[in-house]
């Protein structure tokens, strides 16, 4: 929150516009700029713009040094990812609640259609739009597919409203929402499952709880990874564990967005047309080749921002 502070120097009052910001290392830094003529309050917006630019540049500079750099997450690329983050946050500040809901509705329809289609859901984008907007079951459509659509809409609404932190309860609750009324057993799997088209063994049922505990411990302790890199690694490890009887892919893609939103970044969408590339990236990750998944999610992050947020602000 921006505020004006008065400071008396040699018997004369001077005014400063100030704002405190918490950085990724949890330290709070106060930013301040001198207001030349405080009595011209109409100019405060100008000073606030200057202050915000100063803060933005400082945060980007911090991110390029704080987050662990590698040949993918270079300082140059981190700068671009941070620019998108601040562009997204700027849009959220400019739009009304109604406009935000409009963007969220568009995002929800497209994310739901694409994510479910990756898993073989046959509903068209038109079907999904109708189900989400009307909240009705379409006649002559597979009831399970309809519920998968309604459930994903409910999950996205829950994520944006509750802003849940990433922990075991969040993951269990999210799975419960995703598989409601579909006949899938709740909680961690009790029987082994297999990944079609991928030569990898998932975690056996008796080891799921421990592996999920270790994954969440890794997530909590990995403070210097860029949030998008962190989301990619978490996603790859989560999908390899495959902790649930069904719904792992849909839950996993939502968890990517929970991580991004927790750090103030915009969410992303993986399209069904990129299904093969997505699965190849996960398979490479299973074999300890992480680059494909990094590149894949970076591209989706950039494209989703351009197609759902940046373009929206252009026309209002």
Protein backbone atom coordinates (compact mmCIF):
# COMPACT_ATOMS: atom_id res chain seq x y z
CA UNK A 1 0.00 0.00 0.00
CA UNK A 2 1.31 3.46 -0.98
CA UNK A 3 1.31 6.21 1.66
CA UNK A 4 2.62 9.75 2.10
CA UNK A 5 5.07 10.41 4.94
CA UNK A 6 6.05 13.86 6.20
CA UNK A 7 9.59 14.50 7.41
CA UNK A 8 10.69 17.74 9.03
CA UNK A 9 14.12 18.99 7.95
CA UNK A 10 15.45 22.29 9.35
CA UNK A 11 11.95 23.30 10.40
CA UNK A 12 10.44 22.64 6.99
CA UNK A 13 8.19 19.73 6.09
CA UNK A 14 9.16 17.48 3.20
CA UNK A 15 6.88 14.80 1.82
CA UNK A 16 7.73 11.36 0.51
CA UNK A 17 5.67 8.71 -1.23
CA UNK A 18 6.49 5.33 0.28
CA UNK A 19 5.66 1.68 -0.23
CA UNK A 20 6.92 -1.47 1.50
CA UNK A 21 7.49 -4.63 -0.55
CA UNK A 22 8.19 -8.18 0.61
CA UNK A 23 10.80 -9.93 -1.54
CA UNK A 24 11.07 -13.68 -2.27
CA UNK A 25 13.62 -14.06 0.56
CA UNK A 26 10.84 -12.84 2.93
CA UNK A 27 12.68 -9.59 3.70
CA UNK A 28 10.67 -6.35 3.52
CA UNK A 29 12.17 -3.30 1.83
CA UNK A 30 10.77 0.22 1.97
CA UNK A 31 10.85 2.32 -1.20
CA UNK A 32 10.54 6.09 -1.14
CA UNK A 33 10.57 9.05 -3.53
CA UNK A 34 10.53 12.74 -2.77
CA UNK A 35 7.36 14.65 -3.65
CA UNK A 36 8.41 18.03 -4.97
CA UNK A 37 5.07 19.72 -4.35
CA UNK A 38 2.72 17.74 -2.11
CA UNK A 39 0.02 20.37 -2.33
CA UNK A 40 -0.57 19.45 -5.94
CA UNK A 41 -2.30 16.23 -5.00
CA UNK A 42 -3.38 15.64 -8.61
CA UNK A 43 0.28 14.85 -9.33
CA UNK A 44 0.40 12.02 -6.78
CA UNK A 45 -0.57 9.49 -9.46
CA UNK A 46 2.45 10.56 -11.47
CA UNK A 47 4.70 10.05 -8.46
CA UNK A 48 3.11 6.68 -7.75
CA UNK A 49 3.84 5.60 -11.33
CA UNK A 50 7.48 6.61 -10.90
CA UNK A 51 7.69 4.78 -7.57
CA UNK A 52 6.14 1.60 -9.03
CA UNK A 53 8.61 1.62 -11.94
CA UNK A 54 11.45 1.91 -9.45
CA UNK A 55 10.05 -1.00 -7.41
CA UNK A 56 9.47 -3.15 -10.48
CA UNK A 57 13.03 -2.71 -11.70
CA UNK A 58 14.41 -3.47 -8.24
CA UNK A 59 12.30 -6.64 -8.01
CA UNK A 60 13.41 -7.83 -11.44
CA UNK A 61 17.05 -7.18 -10.58
CA UNK A 62 16.58 -9.09 -7.33
CA UNK A 63 14.93 -12.05 -9.11
CA UNK A 64 17.74 -12.40 -11.64
CA UNK A 65 20.24 -12.75 -8.80
CA UNK A 66 18.13 -14.57 -6.18
CA UNK A 67 16.79 -17.39 -8.34
CA UNK A 68 19.29 -20.06 -9.25
CA UNK A 69 20.45 -19.53 -12.84
CA UNK A 70 21.12 -22.32 -15.33
CA UNK A 71 21.29 -22.67 -19.11
CA UNK A 72 17.46 -22.50 -19.31
CA UNK A 73 16.61 -20.02 -16.58
CA UNK A 74 19.25 -17.47 -17.52
CA UNK A 75 19.18 -13.91 -16.20
CA UNK A 76 17.80 -12.78 -19.55
CA UNK A 77 14.98 -15.32 -19.50
CA UNK A 78 14.15 -14.68 -15.84
CA UNK A 79 13.87 -10.97 -16.70
CA UNK A 80 11.29 -11.79 -19.41
CA UNK A 81 9.34 -14.08 -17.06
CA UNK A 82 9.30 -11.36 -14.41
CA UNK A 83 8.13 -8.77 -16.96
CA UNK A 84 5.14 -11.02 -17.67
CA UNK A 85 4.48 -11.37 -13.95
CA UNK A 86 4.39 -7.60 -13.46
CA UNK A 87 2.33 -7.15 -16.61
CA UNK A 88 -0.22 -9.59 -15.19
CA UNK A 89 -0.28 -7.85 -11.80
CA UNK A 90 -0.67 -4.47 -13.49
CA UNK A 91 -3.66 -5.75 -15.46
CA UNK A 92 -5.33 -7.05 -12.29
CA UNK A 93 -4.98 -3.59 -10.72
CA UNK A 94 -6.48 -1.83 -13.75
CA UNK A 95 -9.57 -3.94 -14.34
CA UNK A 96 -12.85 -4.04 -12.41
CA UNK A 97 -14.18 -7.10 -10.56
CA UNK A 98 -16.61 -7.67 -13.42
CA UNK A 99 -13.82 -7.52 -16.00
CA UNK A 100 -11.68 -9.89 -13.96
CA UNK A 101 -14.59 -12.34 -13.78
CA UNK A 102 -14.92 -12.08 -17.56
CA UNK A 103 -11.25 -12.98 -18.03
CA UNK A 104 -11.56 -15.79 -15.49
CA UNK A 105 -14.64 -17.19 -17.26
CA UNK A 106 -12.76 -17.26 -20.58
CA UNK A 107 -9.74 -18.85 -18.95
CA UNK A 108 -11.91 -21.44 -17.17
CA UNK A 109 -13.68 -22.55 -20.34
CA UNK A 110 -10.44 -22.94 -22.27
CA UNK A 111 -8.42 -24.54 -19.47
CA UNK A 112 -11.23 -27.01 -18.76
CA UNK A 113 -11.69 -28.00 -22.39
CA UNK A 114 -7.97 -28.36 -23.10
CA UNK A 115 -6.98 -30.13 -19.87
CA UNK A 116 -9.82 -32.65 -20.03
CA UNK A 117 -9.31 -33.24 -23.77
CA UNK A 118 -5.69 -34.21 -23.07
CA UNK A 119 -7.10 -37.10 -21.01
CA UNK A 120 -9.50 -38.17 -23.77
CA UNK A 121 -12.66 -36.23 -22.86
CA UNK A 122 -14.65 -35.99 -26.13
CA UNK A 123 -16.72 -32.87 -25.35
CA UNK A 124 -16.19 -30.03 -27.81
CA UNK A 125 -15.27 -26.48 -26.84
CA UNK A 126 -18.87 -25.51 -27.63
CA UNK A 127 -20.15 -28.25 -25.29
CA UNK A 128 -17.83 -27.15 -22.50
CA UNK A 129 -18.81 -23.50 -22.92
CA UNK A 130 -22.51 -24.38 -22.65
CA UNK A 131 -22.04 -26.64 -19.62
CA UNK A 132 -19.96 -24.06 -17.75
CA UNK A 133 -22.10 -21.05 -18.62
CA UNK A 134 -25.43 -22.79 -18.06
CA UNK A 135 -24.38 -25.29 -15.39
CA UNK A 136 -26.55 -27.92 -17.09
CA UNK A 137 -26.06 -31.50 -18.19
CA UNK A 138 -26.22 -31.93 -21.94
CA UNK A 139 -28.49 -34.71 -23.20
CA UNK A 140 -26.90 -37.62 -25.02
CA UNK A 141 -23.46 -36.74 -23.64
CA UNK A 142 -21.36 -39.03 -21.49
CA UNK A 143 -22.32 -38.16 -17.90
CA UNK A 144 -18.82 -38.73 -16.58
CA UNK A 145 -17.40 -36.28 -19.14
CA UNK A 146 -20.01 -33.70 -18.16
CA UNK A 147 -19.08 -34.06 -14.49
CA UNK A 148 -15.38 -33.77 -15.35
CA UNK A 149 -16.22 -30.42 -16.94
CA UNK A 150 -18.33 -29.18 -14.03
CA UNK A 151 -15.71 -30.36 -11.55
CA UNK A 152 -12.84 -28.58 -13.29
CA UNK A 153 -14.85 -25.36 -13.34
CA UNK A 154 -15.48 -25.77 -9.61
CA UNK A 155 -11.78 -26.46 -8.97
CA UNK A 156 -10.63 -23.32 -10.79
CA UNK A 157 -13.17 -21.18 -8.94
CA UNK A 158 -11.96 -22.71 -5.65
CA UNK A 159 -8.31 -22.00 -6.50
CA UNK A 160 -8.88 -18.34 -7.38
CA UNK A 161 -11.17 -17.73 -4.41
CA UNK A 162 -9.31 -19.61 -1.68
CA UNK A 163 -5.77 -19.16 -3.02
CA UNK A 164 -4.73 -22.42 -1.30
CA UNK A 165 -1.14 -23.04 -0.31
CA UNK A 166 0.51 -26.13 -1.72
CA UNK A 167 0.36 -28.91 0.86
CA UNK A 168 -1.05 -32.43 1.19
CA UNK A 169 -4.51 -31.23 2.25
CA UNK A 170 -4.77 -28.93 -0.78
CA UNK A 171 -3.83 -31.77 -3.12
CA UNK A 172 -6.29 -34.21 -1.52
CA UNK A 173 -9.08 -31.60 -1.53
CA UNK A 174 -8.38 -30.69 -5.15
CA UNK A 175 -8.56 -34.33 -6.22
CA UNK A 176 -11.86 -34.71 -4.38
CA UNK A 177 -13.33 -31.79 -6.34
CA UNK A 178 -11.98 -33.07 -9.66
CA UNK A 179 -13.40 -36.63 -9.39
CA UNK A 180 -16.72 -35.86 -7.70
CA UNK A 181 -19.59 -37.97 -9.14
CA UNK A 182 -17.25 -39.84 -11.51
CA UNK A 183 -16.92 -43.08 -9.52
CA UNK A 184 -13.22 -42.59 -8.74
CA UNK A 185 -11.99 -43.63 -5.30
CA UNK A 186 -11.02 -40.68 -3.12
CA UNK A 187 -7.62 -40.37 -1.50
CA UNK A 188 -4.37 -42.00 -2.52
CA UNK A 189 -4.54 -45.10 -4.72
CA UNK A 190 -4.81 -48.55 -3.16
CA UNK A 191 -3.97 -50.46 -6.34
CA UNK A 192 -1.03 -49.99 -8.76
CA UNK A 193 -1.61 -47.85 -11.86
CA UNK A 194 0.27 -47.56 -15.14
CA UNK A 195 1.01 -44.83 -17.65
CA UNK A 196 0.05 -45.66 -21.21
CA UNK A 197 2.72 -44.72 -23.72
CA UNK A 198 5.37 -44.00 -21.07
CA UNK A 199 8.02 -46.46 -20.00
CA UNK A 200 8.06 -45.54 -16.33
CA UNK A 201 6.90 -47.19 -13.13
CA UNK A 202 4.62 -45.14 -10.93
CA UNK A 203 4.94 -45.27 -7.15
CA UNK A 204 3.42 -48.43 -5.66
CA UNK A 205 0.44 -47.72 -3.36
CA UNK A 206 2.36 -48.50 -0.18
CA UNK A 207 4.98 -45.83 -1.02
CA UNK A 208 2.71 -43.03 -2.24
CA UNK A 209 2.30 -41.25 1.11
CA UNK A 210 6.05 -41.21 1.75
CA UNK A 211 6.89 -40.05 -1.78
CA UNK A 212 4.30 -37.28 -1.60
CA UNK A 213 5.71 -36.23 1.78
CA UNK A 214 9.21 -36.10 0.28
CA UNK A 215 7.95 -34.15 -2.75
CA UNK A 216 6.27 -31.55 -0.57
CA UNK A 217 9.39 -31.34 1.62
CA UNK A 218 11.47 -30.70 -1.51
CA UNK A 219 9.00 -28.01 -2.60
CA UNK A 220 9.16 -26.22 0.74
CA UNK A 221 12.97 -26.28 0.87
CA UNK A 222 13.65 -25.30 -2.78
CA UNK A 223 13.58 -21.56 -2.19
CA UNK A 224 16.05 -20.44 -4.86
CA UNK A 225 14.42 -22.08 -7.88
CA UNK A 226 12.43 -19.75 -10.10
CA UNK A 227 8.70 -20.45 -9.46
CA UNK A 228 8.15 -21.63 -13.04
CA UNK A 229 11.10 -24.03 -12.78
CA UNK A 230 9.79 -25.13 -9.39
CA UNK A 231 6.34 -25.75 -10.88
CA UNK A 232 7.86 -27.78 -13.73
CA UNK A 233 9.91 -30.01 -11.43
CA UNK A 234 7.00 -30.48 -9.05
CA UNK A 235 4.71 -31.40 -11.94
CA UNK A 236 7.16 -33.90 -13.38
CA UNK A 237 7.72 -35.58 -10.01
CA UNK A 238 4.00 -35.57 -9.18
CA UNK A 239 3.03 -37.20 -12.48
CA UNK A 240 5.69 -39.86 -12.00
CA UNK A 241 4.34 -40.70 -8.54
CA UNK A 242 0.77 -40.74 -9.95
CA UNK A 243 -0.69 -40.84 -6.43
CA UNK A 244 -4.39 -41.26 -7.30
CA UNK A 245 -6.47 -43.96 -8.94
CA UNK A 246 -7.48 -41.45 -11.65
CA UNK A 247 -7.39 -37.70 -12.26
CA UNK A 248 -3.61 -37.33 -11.82
CA UNK A 249 -3.07 -35.36 -15.02
CA UNK A 250 -5.94 -32.97 -14.38
CA UNK A 251 -4.92 -32.43 -10.76
CA UNK A 252 -1.27 -32.03 -11.76
CA UNK A 253 -1.98 -29.30 -14.31
CA UNK A 254 -4.05 -27.40 -11.75
CA UNK A 255 -1.20 -27.71 -9.24
CA UNK A 256 1.11 -25.96 -11.72
CA UNK A 257 -1.25 -22.99 -11.60
CA UNK A 258 -1.60 -23.08 -7.82
CA UNK A 259 2.19 -22.74 -7.61
CA UNK A 260 2.31 -19.89 -10.14
CA UNK A 261 -0.57 -18.00 -8.52
CA UNK A 262 0.96 -18.43 -5.04
CA UNK A 263 4.02 -16.55 -6.30
CA UNK A 264 2.00 -13.87 -8.11
CA UNK A 265 2.48 -15.25 -11.64
CA UNK A 266 -0.32 -15.74 -14.20
CA UNK A 267 -1.70 -19.27 -14.76
CA UNK A 268 -1.06 -21.28 -17.92
CA UNK A 269 -2.94 -23.61 -20.25
CA UNK A 270 -1.58 -26.73 -21.98
CA UNK A 271 -3.52 -27.36 -25.19
CA UNK A 272 -4.70 -30.75 -26.44
CA UNK A 273 -2.95 -30.08 -29.78
CA UNK A 274 0.32 -30.20 -27.83
CA UNK A 275 -0.55 -33.46 -26.09
CA UNK A 276 2.23 -35.48 -27.75
CA UNK A 277 4.88 -32.83 -27.07
CA UNK A 278 3.66 -32.59 -23.48
CA UNK A 279 3.87 -36.34 -22.91
CA UNK A 280 7.30 -36.48 -24.57
CA UNK A 281 8.48 -33.72 -22.21
CA UNK A 282 7.19 -35.70 -19.21
CA UNK A 283 8.83 -38.88 -20.49
CA UNK A 284 12.14 -37.05 -20.90
CA UNK A 285 11.72 -35.73 -17.35
CA UNK A 286 11.23 -39.32 -16.12
CA UNK A 287 14.67 -40.05 -17.61
CA UNK A 288 16.21 -37.03 -15.83
CA UNK A 289 16.26 -34.79 -18.92
CA UNK A 290 14.44 -31.74 -17.58
CA UNK A 291 15.03 -29.21 -20.37
CA UNK A 292 12.09 -30.27 -22.56
CA UNK A 293 9.58 -29.72 -19.76
CA UNK A 294 11.18 -26.39 -18.83
CA UNK A 295 10.98 -25.12 -22.43
CA UNK A 296 7.46 -26.49 -22.85
CA UNK A 297 6.01 -24.77 -19.76
CA UNK A 298 7.86 -21.50 -20.41
CA UNK A 299 6.23 -21.35 -23.83
CA UNK A 300 2.75 -22.08 -22.40
CA UNK A 301 3.28 -19.44 -19.71
CA UNK A 302 4.13 -16.79 -22.30
CA UNK A 303 1.39 -17.74 -24.75
CA UNK A 304 -1.35 -17.96 -22.13
CA UNK A 305 -0.45 -14.51 -20.84
CA UNK A 306 -0.51 -13.06 -24.36
CA UNK A 307 -3.76 -14.78 -25.37
CA UNK A 308 -5.83 -14.35 -22.21
CA UNK A 309 -4.55 -11.37 -20.27
CA UNK A 310 -2.44 -9.05 -22.42
CA UNK A 311 -4.89 -9.14 -25.31
CA UNK A 312 -7.86 -8.47 -23.02
CA UNK A 313 -6.47 -5.20 -21.64
CA UNK A 314 -5.84 -4.07 -25.22
CA UNK A 315 -9.56 -3.85 -25.94
CA UNK A 316 -10.91 -2.21 -22.79
